[in-house]
PDB file of N, CA and C in Angstrom:
ATOM      1  N   MET A   1      51.623  92.620  18.172  1.00  0.00           N
ATOM      2  CA  MET A   1      52.829  92.755  17.388  1.00  0.00           C
ATOM      3  C   MET A   1      53.863  91.757  17.904  1.00  0.00           C
ATOM      4  N   PRO A   2      54.371  90.904  17.043  1.00  0.00           N
ATOM      5  CA  PRO A   2      55.388  89.936  17.459  1.00  0.00           C
ATOM      6  C   PRO A   2      56.679  90.648  17.875  1.00  0.00           C
ATOM      7  N   ARG A   3      57.285  90.109  18.904  1.00  0.00           N
ATOM      8  CA  ARG A   3      58.548  90.665  19.375  1.00  0.00           C
ATOM      9  C   ARG A   3      59.691  89.783  18.917  1.00  0.00           C
ATOM     10  N   LYS A   4      60.795  90.416  18.596  1.00  0.00           N
ATOM     11  CA  LYS A   4      62.000  89.680  18.235  1.00  0.00           C
ATOM     12  C   LYS A   4      63.152  90.203  19.066  1.00  0.00           C
ATOM     13  N   LEU A   5      64.061  89.320  19.332  1.00  0.00           N
ATOM     14  CA  LEU A   5      65.249  89.636  20.101  1.00  0.00           C
ATOM     15  C   LEU A   5      66.448  89.468  19.184  1.00  0.00           C
ATOM     16  N   THR A   6      67.345  90.419  19.221  1.00  0.00           N
ATOM     17  CA  THR A   6      68.583  90.304  18.459  1.00  0.00           C
ATOM     18  C   THR A   6      69.748  90.492  19.422  1.00  0.00           C
ATOM     19  N   TYR A   7      70.804  89.735  19.181  1.00  0.00           N
ATOM     20  CA  TYR A   7      71.978  89.813  20.050  1.00  0.00           C
ATOM     21  C   TYR A   7      73.188  89.268  19.310  1.00  0.00           C
ATOM     22  N   VAL A   8      74.353  89.553  19.852  1.00  0.00           N
ATOM     23  CA  VAL A   8      75.599  89.013  19.315  1.00  0.00           C
ATOM     24  C   VAL A   8      76.168  88.098  20.393  1.00  0.00           C
ATOM     25  N   TYR A   9      76.456  86.854  20.012  1.00  0.00           N
ATOM     26  CA  TYR A   9      77.041  85.893  20.944  1.00  0.00           C
ATOM     27  C   TYR A   9      78.338  85.374  20.341  1.00  0.00           C
ATOM     28  N   LYS A  10      79.426  85.684  21.008  1.00  0.00           N
ATOM     29  CA  LYS A  10      80.768  85.283  20.567  1.00  0.00           C
ATOM     30  C   LYS A  10      81.007  85.623  19.105  1.00  0.00           C
ATOM     31  N   GLY A  11      80.604  86.839  18.731  1.00  0.00           N
ATOM     32  CA  GLY A  11      80.873  87.345  17.390  1.00  0.00           C
ATOM     33  C   GLY A  11      79.824  87.044  16.339  1.00  0.00           C
ATOM     34  N   ASP A  12      78.825  86.220  16.645  1.00  0.00           N
ATOM     35  CA  ASP A  12      77.781  85.873  15.679  1.00  0.00           C
ATOM     36  C   ASP A  12      76.479  86.581  16.040  1.00  0.00           C
ATOM     37  N   ARG A  13      75.931  87.363  15.106  1.00  0.00           N
ATOM     38  CA  ARG A  13      74.633  88.019  15.329  1.00  0.00           C
ATOM     39  C   ARG A  13      73.523  86.995  15.148  1.00  0.00           C
ATOM     40  N   LYS A  14      72.586  87.005  16.105  1.00  0.00           N
ATOM     41  CA  LYS A  14      71.472  86.062  16.058  1.00  0.00           C
ATOM     42  C   LYS A  14      70.172  86.788  16.351  1.00  0.00           C
ATOM     43  N   GLU A  15      69.080  86.232  15.839  1.00  0.00           N
ATOM     44  CA  GLU A  15      67.753  86.798  16.049  1.00  0.00           C
ATOM     45  C   GLU A  15      66.794  85.664  16.362  1.00  0.00           C
ATOM     46  N   LEU A  16      65.875  85.906  17.300  1.00  0.00           N
ATOM     47  CA  LEU A  16      64.897  84.887  17.648  1.00  0.00           C
ATOM     48  C   LEU A  16      63.623  85.535  18.148  1.00  0.00           C
ATOM     49  N   PRO A  17      62.503  84.814  18.072  1.00  0.00           N
ATOM     50  CA  PRO A  17      61.249  85.355  18.602  1.00  0.00           C
ATOM     51  C   PRO A  17      61.326  85.440  20.125  1.00  0.00           C
ATOM     52  N   PHE A  18      60.635  86.422  20.692  1.00  0.00           N
ATOM     53  CA  PHE A  18      60.666  86.623  22.134  1.00  0.00           C
ATOM     54  C   PHE A  18      59.243  86.724  22.672  1.00  0.00           C
ATOM     55  N   SER A  19      59.020  86.075  23.823  1.00  0.00           N
ATOM     56  CA  SER A  19      57.726  86.131  24.479  1.00  0.00           C
ATOM     57  C   SER A  19      57.930  86.245  25.988  1.00  0.00           C
ATOM     58  N   TYR A  20      57.223  87.205  26.612  1.00  0.00           N
ATOM     59  CA  TYR A  20      57.310  87.345  28.062  1.00  0.00           C
ATOM     60  C   TYR A  20      56.668  86.166  28.789  1.00  0.00           C
ATOM     61  N   SER A  21      55.850  85.396  28.116  1.00  0.00           N
ATOM     62  CA  SER A  21      55.259  84.213  28.759  1.00  0.00           C
ATOM     63  C   SER A  21      56.283  83.086  28.923  1.00  0.00           C
ATOM     64  N   ARG A  22      57.352  83.135  28.145  1.00  0.00           N
ATOM     65  CA  ARG A  22      58.384  82.101  28.234  1.00  0.00           C
ATOM     66  C   ARG A  22      59.617  82.547  29.018  1.00  0.00           C
ATOM     67  N   HIS A  23      59.934  83.853  28.978  1.00  0.00           N
ATOM     68  CA  HIS A  23      61.149  84.356  29.611  1.00  0.00           C
ATOM     69  C   HIS A  23      60.860  85.639  30.381  1.00  0.00           C
ATOM     70  N   HIS A  24      61.589  85.822  31.457  1.00  0.00           N
ATOM     71  CA  HIS A  24      61.429  86.998  32.315  1.00  0.00           C
ATOM     72  C   HIS A  24      61.898  88.263  31.605  1.00  0.00           C
ATOM     73  N   ASP A  25      63.019  88.186  30.898  1.00  0.00           N
ATOM     74  CA  ASP A  25      63.541  89.346  30.170  1.00  0.00           C
ATOM     75  C   ASP A  25      64.369  88.883  28.973  1.00  0.00           C
ATOM     76  N   ILE A  26      64.871  89.841  28.212  1.00  0.00           N
ATOM     77  CA  ILE A  26      65.599  89.507  26.987  1.00  0.00           C
ATOM     78  C   ILE A  26      66.935  88.836  27.276  1.00  0.00           C
ATOM     79  N   TYR A  27      67.533  89.154  28.418  1.00  0.00           N
ATOM     80  CA  TYR A  27      68.807  88.535  28.776  1.00  0.00           C
ATOM     81  C   TYR A  27      68.613  87.042  29.052  1.00  0.00           C
ATOM     82  N   GLU A  28      67.563  86.714  29.771  1.00  0.00           N
ATOM     83  CA  GLU A  28      67.259  85.313  30.068  1.00  0.00           C
ATOM     84  C   GLU A  28      66.974  84.536  28.777  1.00  0.00           C
ATOM     85  N   ALA A  29      66.259  85.155  27.849  1.00  0.00           N
ATOM     86  CA  ALA A  29      65.932  84.499  26.576  1.00  0.00           C
ATOM     87  C   ALA A  29      67.196  84.235  25.749  1.00  0.00           C
ATOM     88  N   ALA A  30      68.093  85.197  25.703  1.00  0.00           N
ATOM     89  CA  ALA A  30      69.334  85.018  24.945  1.00  0.00           C
ATOM     90  C   ALA A  30      70.181  83.907  25.550  1.00  0.00           C
ATOM     91  N   ALA A  31      70.278  83.866  26.874  1.00  0.00           N
ATOM     92  CA  ALA A  31      71.051  82.820  27.545  1.00  0.00           C
ATOM     93  C   ALA A  31      70.434  81.446  27.290  1.00  0.00           C
ATOM     94  N   ALA A  32      69.105  81.362  27.344  1.00  0.00           N
ATOM     95  CA  ALA A  32      68.428  80.088  27.095  1.00  0.00           C
ATOM     96  C   ALA A  32      68.664  79.614  25.662  1.00  0.00           C
ATOM     97  N   ALA A  33      68.660  80.530  24.719  1.00  0.00           N
ATOM     98  CA  ALA A  33      68.878  80.168  23.314  1.00  0.00           C
ATOM     99  C   ALA A  33      70.277  79.605  23.093  1.00  0.00           C
ATOM    100  N   GLU A  34      71.231  80.043  23.890  1.00  0.00           N
ATOM    101  CA  GLU A  34      72.615  79.576  23.755  1.00  0.00           C
ATOM    102  C   GLU A  34      72.976  78.498  24.773  1.00  0.00           C
ATOM    103  N   ASN A  35      71.994  78.013  25.513  1.00  0.00           N
ATOM    104  CA  ASN A  35      72.194  76.973  26.541  1.00  0.00           C
ATOM    105  C   ASN A  35      73.242  77.379  27.581  1.00  0.00           C
ATOM    106  N   VAL A  36      73.198  78.633  27.993  1.00  0.00           N
ATOM    107  CA  VAL A  36      74.106  79.152  29.013  1.00  0.00           C
ATOM    108  C   VAL A  36      73.373  79.114  30.345  1.00  0.00           C
ATOM    109  N   ASP A  37      73.957  78.445  31.349  1.00  0.00           N
ATOM    110  CA  ASP A  37      73.365  78.360  32.680  1.00  0.00           C
ATOM    111  C   ASP A  37      73.598  79.683  33.407  1.00  0.00           C
ATOM    112  N   ILE A  38      72.516  80.374  33.754  1.00  0.00           N
ATOM    113  CA  ILE A  38      72.651  81.660  34.433  1.00  0.00           C
ATOM    114  C   ILE A  38      72.109  81.615  35.861  1.00  0.00           C
ATOM    115  N   SER A  39      71.987  80.433  36.434  1.00  0.00           N
ATOM    116  CA  SER A  39      71.441  80.332  37.788  1.00  0.00           C
ATOM    117  C   SER A  39      72.310  81.072  38.803  1.00  0.00           C
ATOM    118  N   GLY A  40      73.620  80.966  38.701  1.00  0.00           N
ATOM    119  CA  GLY A  40      74.512  81.706  39.594  1.00  0.00           C
ATOM    120  C   GLY A  40      74.410  83.204  39.370  1.00  0.00           C
ATOM    121  N   PHE A  41      74.291  83.602  38.116  1.00  0.00           N
ATOM    122  CA  PHE A  41      74.122  85.011  37.783  1.00  0.00           C
ATOM    123  C   PHE A  41      72.842  85.566  38.397  1.00  0.00           C
ATOM    124  N   LEU A  42      71.735  84.811  38.280  1.00  0.00           N
ATOM    125  CA  LEU A  42      70.451  85.278  38.818  1.00  0.00           C
ATOM    126  C   LEU A  42      70.503  85.453  40.332  1.00  0.00           C
ATOM    127  N   ALA A  43      71.189  84.555  41.018  1.00  0.00           N
ATOM    128  CA  ALA A  43      71.331  84.677  42.475  1.00  0.00           C
ATOM    129  C   ALA A  43      72.133  85.924  42.837  1.00  0.00           C
ATOM    130  N   MET A  44      73.210  86.168  42.119  1.00  0.00           N
ATOM    131  CA  MET A  44      74.022  87.355  42.394  1.00  0.00           C
ATOM    132  C   MET A  44      73.274  88.627  42.015  1.00  0.00           C
ATOM    133  N   GLU A  45      72.525  88.583  40.931  1.00  0.00           N
ATOM    134  CA  GLU A  45      71.746  89.746  40.523  1.00  0.00           C
ATOM    135  C   GLU A  45      70.721  90.108  41.601  1.00  0.00           C
ATOM    136  N   GLU A  46      70.108  89.115  42.201  1.00  0.00           N
ATOM    137  CA  GLU A  46      69.144  89.368  43.281  1.00  0.00           C
ATOM    138  C   GLU A  46      69.839  90.016  44.474  1.00  0.00           C
ATOM    139  N   GLN A  47      71.038  89.588  44.789  1.00  0.00           N
ATOM    140  CA  GLN A  47      71.786  90.210  45.887  1.00  0.00           C
ATOM    141  C   GLN A  47      72.118  91.661  45.567  1.00  0.00           C
ATOM    142  N   VAL A  48      72.512  91.936  44.330  1.00  0.00           N
ATOM    143  CA  VAL A  48      72.784  93.315  43.921  1.00  0.00           C
ATOM    144  C   VAL A  48      71.515  94.141  44.029  1.00  0.00           C
ATOM    145  N   ARG A  49      70.383  93.593  43.596  1.00  0.00           N
ATOM    146  CA  ARG A  49      69.104  94.289  43.656  1.00  0.00           C
ATOM    147  C   ARG A  49      68.729  94.634  45.104  1.00  0.00           C
ATOM    148  N   MET A  50      68.965  93.700  46.020  1.00  0.00           N
ATOM    149  CA  MET A  50      68.586  93.912  47.418  1.00  0.00           C
ATOM    150  C   MET A  50      69.496  94.919  48.117  1.00  0.00           C
ATOM    151  N   THR A  51      70.748  95.034  47.700  1.00  0.00           N
ATOM    152  CA  THR A  51      71.683  95.914  48.395  1.00  0.00           C
ATOM    153  C   THR A  51      71.867  97.275  47.726  1.00  0.00           C
ATOM    154  N   SER A  52      71.438  97.422  46.487  1.00  0.00           N
ATOM    155  CA  SER A  52      71.637  98.697  45.793  1.00  0.00           C
ATOM    156  C   SER A  52      70.452  99.623  46.039  1.00  0.00           C
ATOM    157  N   LYS A  53      70.696 100.900  45.861  1.00  0.00           N
ATOM    158  CA  LYS A  53      69.656 101.897  46.092  1.00  0.00           C
ATOM    159  C   LYS A  53      68.906 102.268  44.819  1.00  0.00           C
ATOM    160  N   GLY A  54      69.394 101.847  43.685  1.00  0.00           N
ATOM    161  CA  GLY A  54      68.742 102.200  42.426  1.00  0.00           C
ATOM    162  C   GLY A  54      68.872 101.102  41.394  1.00  0.00           C
ATOM    163  N   LYS A  55      68.223 101.307  40.269  1.00  0.00           N
ATOM    164  CA  LYS A  55      68.231 100.316  39.194  1.00  0.00           C
ATOM    165  C   LYS A  55      69.545 100.310  38.423  1.00  0.00           C
ATOM    166  N   HIS A  56      70.291 101.397  38.511  1.00  0.00           N
ATOM    167  CA  HIS A  56      71.522 101.509  37.727  1.00  0.00           C
ATOM    168  C   HIS A  56      72.522 100.403  38.071  1.00  0.00           C
ATOM    169  N   ALA A  57      72.661 100.067  39.337  1.00  0.00           N
ATOM    170  CA  ALA A  57      73.628  99.043  39.749  1.00  0.00           C
ATOM    171  C   ALA A  57      73.253  97.681  39.168  1.00  0.00           C
ATOM    172  N   VAL A  58      71.979  97.367  39.166  1.00  0.00           N
ATOM    173  CA  VAL A  58      71.509  96.082  38.640  1.00  0.00           C
ATOM    174  C   VAL A  58      71.725  96.028  37.127  1.00  0.00           C
ATOM    175  N   LYS A  59      71.383  97.102  36.454  1.00  0.00           N
ATOM    176  CA  LYS A  59      71.553  97.151  34.998  1.00  0.00           C
ATOM    177  C   LYS A  59      73.025  97.049  34.618  1.00  0.00           C
ATOM    178  N   ASP A  60      73.872  97.761  35.330  1.00  0.00           N
ATOM    179  CA  ASP A  60      75.306  97.731  35.074  1.00  0.00           C
ATOM    180  C   ASP A  60      75.871  96.328  35.314  1.00  0.00           C
ATOM    181  N   PHE A  61      75.452  95.693  36.414  1.00  0.00           N
ATOM    182  CA  PHE A  61      75.892  94.327  36.722  1.00  0.00           C
ATOM    183  C   PHE A  61      75.477  93.373  35.608  1.00  0.00           C
ATOM    184  N   ARG A  62      74.222  93.469  35.178  1.00  0.00           N
ATOM    185  CA  ARG A  62      73.697  92.583  34.140  1.00  0.00           C
ATOM    186  C   ARG A  62      74.487  92.739  32.840  1.00  0.00           C
ATOM    187  N   GLN A  63      74.705  93.974  32.416  1.00  0.00           N
ATOM    188  CA  GLN A  63      75.418  94.205  31.160  1.00  0.00           C
ATOM    189  C   GLN A  63      76.859  93.714  31.222  1.00  0.00           C
ATOM    190  N   LYS A  64      77.537  93.945  32.320  1.00  0.00           N
ATOM    191  CA  LYS A  64      78.927  93.511  32.449  1.00  0.00           C
ATOM    192  C   LYS A  64      79.045  91.990  32.509  1.00  0.00           C
ATOM    193  N   GLU A  65      78.155  91.342  33.234  1.00  0.00           N
ATOM    194  CA  GLU A  65      78.213  89.885  33.332  1.00  0.00           C
ATOM    195  C   GLU A  65      77.882  89.210  32.010  1.00  0.00           C
ATOM    196  N   PHE A  66      76.899  89.732  31.290  1.00  0.00           N
ATOM    197  CA  PHE A  66      76.576  89.136  29.997  1.00  0.00           C
ATOM    198  C   PHE A  66      77.686  89.376  28.988  1.00  0.00           C
ATOM    199  N   ALA A  67      78.358  90.507  29.076  1.00  0.00           N
ATOM    200  CA  ALA A  67      79.519  90.747  28.206  1.00  0.00           C
ATOM    201  C   ALA A  67      80.615  89.743  28.538  1.00  0.00           C
ATOM    202  N   ARG A  68      80.797  89.448  29.818  1.00  0.00           N
ATOM    203  CA  ARG A  68      81.800  88.464  30.234  1.00  0.00           C
ATOM    204  C   ARG A  68      81.452  87.072  29.702  1.00  0.00           C
ATOM    205  N   MET A  69      80.155  86.758  29.599  1.00  0.00           N
ATOM    206  CA  MET A  69      79.707  85.464  29.089  1.00  0.00           C
ATOM    207  C   MET A  69      79.793  85.377  27.565  1.00  0.00           C
ATOM    208  N   GLY A  70      80.060  86.499  26.888  1.00  0.00           N
ATOM    209  CA  GLY A  70      80.197  86.478  25.434  1.00  0.00           C
ATOM    210  C   GLY A  70      79.062  87.143  24.684  1.00  0.00           C
ATOM    211  N   PHE A  71      78.116  87.764  25.386  1.00  0.00           N
ATOM    212  CA  PHE A  71      76.979  88.427  24.747  1.00  0.00           C
ATOM    213  C   PHE A  71      77.252  89.914  24.588  1.00  0.00           C
ATOM    214  N   SER A  72      76.685  90.492  23.544  1.00  0.00           N
ATOM    215  CA  SER A  72      76.715  91.941  23.382  1.00  0.00           C
ATOM    216  C   SER A  72      75.519  92.359  22.534  1.00  0.00           C
ATOM    217  N   ASP A  73      75.229  93.635  22.573  1.00  0.00           N
ATOM    218  CA  ASP A  73      74.183  94.231  21.737  1.00  0.00           C
ATOM    219  C   ASP A  73      72.844  93.480  21.841  1.00  0.00           C
ATOM    220  N   ILE A  74      72.426  93.159  23.057  1.00  0.00           N
ATOM    221  CA  ILE A  74      71.152  92.473  23.278  1.00  0.00           C
ATOM    222  C   ILE A  74      70.049  93.514  23.277  1.00  0.00           C
ATOM    223  N   LYS A  75      69.088  93.360  22.352  1.00  0.00           N
ATOM    224  CA  LYS A  75      67.998  94.327  22.290  1.00  0.00           C
ATOM    225  C   LYS A  75      66.772  93.733  21.615  1.00  0.00           C
ATOM    226  N   MET A  76      65.626  94.366  21.890  1.00  0.00           N
ATOM    227  CA  MET A  76      64.362  94.000  21.281  1.00  0.00           C
ATOM    228  C   MET A  76      64.242  94.780  19.980  1.00  0.00           C
ATOM    229  N   VAL A  77      63.754  94.125  18.931  1.00  0.00           N
ATOM    230  CA  VAL A  77      63.563  94.793  17.648  1.00  0.00           C
ATOM    231  C   VAL A  77      62.126  94.626  17.200  1.00  0.00           C
ATOM    232  N   VAL A  78      61.686  95.559  16.373  1.00  0.00           N
ATOM    233  CA  VAL A  78      60.340  95.512  15.806  1.00  0.00           C
ATOM    234  C   VAL A  78      60.467  95.043  14.370  1.00  0.00           C
ATOM    235  N   ASP A  79      59.641  94.092  13.996  1.00  0.00           N
ATOM    236  CA  ASP A  79      59.660  93.580  12.632  1.00  0.00           C
ATOM    237  C   ASP A  79      59.060  94.631  11.704  1.00  0.00           C
ATOM    238  N   GLU A  80      59.860  95.146  10.780  1.00  0.00           N
ATOM    239  CA  GLU A  80      59.404  96.217   9.888  1.00  0.00           C
ATOM    240  C   GLU A  80      58.269  95.770   8.975  1.00  0.00           C
ATOM    241  N   ASP A  81      58.209  94.490   8.639  1.00  0.00           N
ATOM    242  CA  ASP A  81      57.119  93.978   7.795  1.00  0.00           C
ATOM    243  C   ASP A  81      55.786  94.124   8.503  1.00  0.00           C
ATOM    244  N   ASP A  82      55.764  93.913   9.812  1.00  0.00           N
ATOM    245  CA  ASP A  82      54.527  94.041  10.581  1.00  0.00           C
ATOM    246  C   ASP A  82      54.062  95.494  10.641  1.00  0.00           C
ATOM    247  N   ILE A  83      54.975  96.432  10.690  1.00  0.00           N
ATOM    248  CA  ILE A  83      54.619  97.847  10.741  1.00  0.00           C
ATOM    249  C   ILE A  83      54.002  98.280   9.410  1.00  0.00           C
ATOM    250  N   CYS A  84      54.587  97.814   8.301  1.00  0.00           N
ATOM    251  CA  CYS A  84      54.100  98.187   6.984  1.00  0.00           C
ATOM    252  C   CYS A  84      52.727  97.606   6.683  1.00  0.00           C
ATOM    253  N   SER A  85      52.379  96.465   7.258  1.00  0.00           N
ATOM    254  CA  SER A  85      51.118  95.807   6.962  1.00  0.00           C
ATOM    255  C   SER A  85      49.956  96.395   7.738  1.00  0.00           C
ATOM    256  N   GLU A  86      50.227  97.248   8.725  1.00  0.00           N
ATOM    257  CA  GLU A  86      49.136  97.821   9.534  1.00  0.00           C
ATOM    258  C   GLU A  86      48.505  98.989   8.866  1.00  0.00           C
TER     259      GLU A  86
END
């Protein structure tokens, strides 16, 4: 089943195909599509991961930083046409 990513970047809703072979996660794919350099973010995220006791801190950090960069509503969607054809 093909995966699609949908997100809002600076007020514009966008959709693109997503593959785990090309990107680590949906946040990385959205940033790459908008040519946003997230190398500093990834380094800080790793530090948060190493010092936090749970996944909540990392998830919260990721969502807040991407909102600061102009992203919102980043999520994976299922193509309804593919579901109907099965």
